[in-house]
Structures are given as structure tokens and as C-alpha cells.
Amino acid sequence: MKSDFEIEALLNRVRKATEKSAEEGAELIYNSAKNTSLFKDKSVNLRRSIKKSKSKYKNGGYVVYADAPHAHLIEYGARGGQDGSDTDAPPLSAFTEDGAYRGQQKPRPFMRKAKKDNEIKIQAMFENDLKKVFK
């Protein structure tokens, strides 16, 4: 069908036009996350674990992620009750093996902040790309 072909051709033009912005946008988020001061990283393990890569999915774009085992604890914090409920009781993860209380950890959303800080700039990059496609 002719209309299906036209739509697919248009989608291909959009994908091609926005590929560079997707990569540059991921680079902006990656650099912001790596250079954040929201957390102390004495061992440098968390910063070293922040990565940027092309998505494995067709038309998936790019992803920025941290694969350190404790990255989610920094991003979202550690709180809640010992049974996983959101109570005032400290979570089991707040205790060391010898039973000493280490306290709860407040969220320090370094990845979400990196995305938010660059959102307007990335959106403008994509808008410029799309204007070129739809001239």
C-alpha cells in the first residue's frame, strides 16, 4: 500500500535526523551524572559504573545507566520498615552484620537530576532536527 510506504519512509527520515541528537543527549546526561556532587564516591566505583550505550532494542535510542551494586541505593535511598513496609522502623539494610545501626540513607537522585538538568537542551536539539525533516 502506498501510504504505508510513505509513513515508513517518513519514520526512517525522522530516525536518521534524530540519531545524532539522541547520542548527544545521552552524552549530556552521562557527563552530568558522572560530574555530580550529589554523592561522595570515595572508591570511585559508582562514578566508574556510569555508562552510556546504544540501546539493544530496534529504534531504542541510547541509554545512560549505573551498574554499581549500590547505585539504586544512592539514587532512591534506603528506607522503610524491616518487613519492607514504609514505616518509621529502620530497614534491615540499616544494620551491619554485628547489629550496629548505620542509619537510613536519603535519596540522592544523581541520574534523575542529570536527566532533568538537560531536558530542555535535549528537547531543543530534537525540535531542530524535526524542523529540518518537516520543512
Protein backbone atom coordinates (compact mmCIF):
# COMPACT_ATOMS: atom_id res chain seq x y z
CA MET A 1 0.00 0.00 0.00
CA LYS A 2 1.41 3.39 -0.97
CA SER A 3 0.51 5.18 2.28
CA ASP A 4 2.31 2.55 4.41
CA PHE A 5 5.44 3.06 2.35
CA GLU A 6 5.22 6.85 2.76
CA ILE A 7 4.81 6.53 6.52
CA GLU A 8 7.74 4.13 6.79
CA ALA A 9 9.90 6.45 4.67
CA LEU A 10 8.97 9.38 6.91
CA LEU A 11 9.77 7.37 10.05
CA ASN A 12 13.15 6.46 8.60
CA ARG A 13 13.87 10.13 7.86
CA VAL A 14 12.91 11.08 11.43
CA ARG A 15 15.07 8.30 12.91
CA LYS A 16 18.04 9.30 10.81
CA ALA A 17 17.61 13.00 11.60
CA THR A 18 17.32 12.47 15.36
CA GLU A 19 20.08 9.85 15.78
CA LYS A 20 22.81 12.42 16.42
CA SER A 21 20.68 14.35 18.93
CA ALA A 22 19.85 11.12 20.75
CA GLU A 23 23.54 10.32 21.09
CA GLU A 24 24.48 13.87 22.08
CA GLY A 25 21.60 14.00 24.57
CA ALA A 26 22.77 10.77 26.18
CA GLU A 27 26.28 12.24 26.34
CA LEU A 28 24.95 15.33 28.17
CA ILE A 29 23.14 13.17 30.73
CA TYR A 30 26.16 10.88 31.08
CA ASN A 31 28.53 13.80 31.75
CA SER A 32 26.14 15.41 34.23
CA ALA A 33 25.71 12.16 36.16
CA LYS A 34 29.46 11.48 36.20
CA ASN A 35 30.32 15.00 37.36
CA THR A 36 27.61 15.39 40.00
CA SER A 37 28.37 16.43 43.54
CA LEU A 38 25.21 14.80 44.94
CA PHE A 39 27.18 11.89 46.37
CA LYS A 40 30.63 11.21 47.74
CA ASP A 41 32.36 8.44 45.89
CA LYS A 42 35.49 7.66 47.86
CA SER A 43 36.17 4.45 45.95
CA VAL A 44 35.13 5.99 42.58
CA ASN A 45 33.17 2.77 41.92
CA LEU A 46 29.83 4.48 41.39
CA ARG A 47 31.19 7.12 39.01
CA ARG A 48 33.13 4.48 37.11
CA SER A 49 29.95 2.40 36.76
CA ILE A 50 28.02 5.15 34.95
CA LYS A 51 27.82 4.19 31.29
CA LYS A 52 26.22 5.30 28.05
CA SER A 53 25.38 2.91 25.25
CA LYS A 54 23.15 2.42 22.25
CA SER A 55 20.00 0.53 23.16
CA LYS A 56 19.88 -3.12 22.19
CA TYR A 57 16.30 -2.67 21.00
CA LYS A 58 15.42 -1.69 17.45
CA ASN A 59 14.82 2.06 17.35
CA GLY A 60 15.66 2.19 21.06
CA GLY A 61 17.99 5.19 21.02
CA TYR A 62 20.56 5.46 23.79
CA VAL A 63 20.61 4.61 27.49
CA VAL A 64 22.58 6.01 30.40
CA TYR A 65 22.83 3.78 33.46
CA ALA A 66 24.91 2.98 36.53
CA ASP A 67 25.63 -0.68 37.12
CA ALA A 68 27.33 -0.44 40.52
CA PRO A 69 25.59 -2.77 43.01
CA HIS A 70 24.74 0.19 45.27
CA ALA A 71 23.67 2.67 42.55
CA HIS A 72 19.96 2.21 43.29
CA LEU A 73 20.55 2.89 46.99
CA ILE A 74 22.18 6.22 46.18
CA GLU A 75 19.54 7.16 43.60
CA TYR A 76 16.45 6.12 45.61
CA GLY A 77 17.75 5.88 49.19
CA ALA A 78 17.23 3.10 51.68
CA ARG A 79 14.24 3.43 53.97
CA GLY A 80 11.15 1.63 55.12
CA GLY A 81 10.30 -0.99 57.71
CA GLN A 82 12.11 -4.23 58.34
CA ASP A 83 9.38 -6.12 56.53
CA GLY A 84 9.59 -3.81 53.52
CA SER A 85 6.65 -1.65 54.55
CA ASP A 86 7.10 2.11 54.62
CA THR A 87 7.08 2.64 58.38
CA ASP A 88 9.33 4.55 60.75
CA ALA A 89 11.19 1.36 61.69
CA PRO A 90 14.67 1.19 60.18
CA PRO A 91 15.16 -1.30 57.35
CA LEU A 92 17.29 -4.37 57.89
CA SER A 93 19.82 -2.89 55.47
CA ALA A 94 20.43 -0.12 58.03
CA PHE A 95 22.22 -2.61 60.30
CA THR A 96 25.71 -4.08 59.94
CA GLU A 97 26.41 -7.80 60.35
CA ASP A 98 27.25 -7.27 64.02
CA GLY A 99 23.92 -5.50 64.58
CA ALA A 100 25.16 -1.91 64.73
CA TYR A 101 22.71 0.64 63.37
CA ARG A 102 24.11 2.52 60.35
CA GLY A 103 21.14 4.77 59.73
CA GLN A 104 18.88 5.26 56.77
CA GLN A 105 20.02 6.76 53.53
CA LYS A 106 18.17 9.63 51.92
CA PRO A 107 17.77 9.55 48.15
CA ARG A 108 20.40 11.41 46.14
CA PRO A 109 18.91 11.19 42.64
CA PHE A 110 22.02 11.81 40.55
CA MET A 111 20.63 10.14 37.39
CA ARG A 112 17.21 11.78 37.56
CA LYS A 113 18.82 15.17 38.21
CA ALA A 114 21.19 14.70 35.26
CA LYS A 115 18.18 14.00 33.02
CA LYS A 116 16.16 16.91 34.37
CA ASP A 117 19.08 19.37 34.10
CA ASN A 118 19.49 18.58 30.39
CA GLU A 119 15.87 18.02 29.37
CA ILE A 120 15.25 21.46 27.82
CA LYS A 121 18.52 21.42 25.88
CA ILE A 122 17.86 17.91 24.55
CA GLN A 123 14.29 18.78 23.63
CA ALA A 124 15.54 21.80 21.65
CA MET A 125 18.03 19.57 19.81
CA PHE A 126 15.23 17.19 18.77
CA GLU A 127 12.94 20.06 17.77
CA ASN A 128 15.65 21.45 15.48
CA ASP A 129 16.12 18.01 13.92
CA LEU A 130 12.39 17.62 13.30
CA LYS A 131 12.10 21.10 11.79
CA LYS A 132 14.66 20.04 9.18
CA VAL A 133 12.64 16.91 8.35
CA PHE A 134 9.32 18.77 8.03
CA LYS A 135 10.50 21.83 6.06
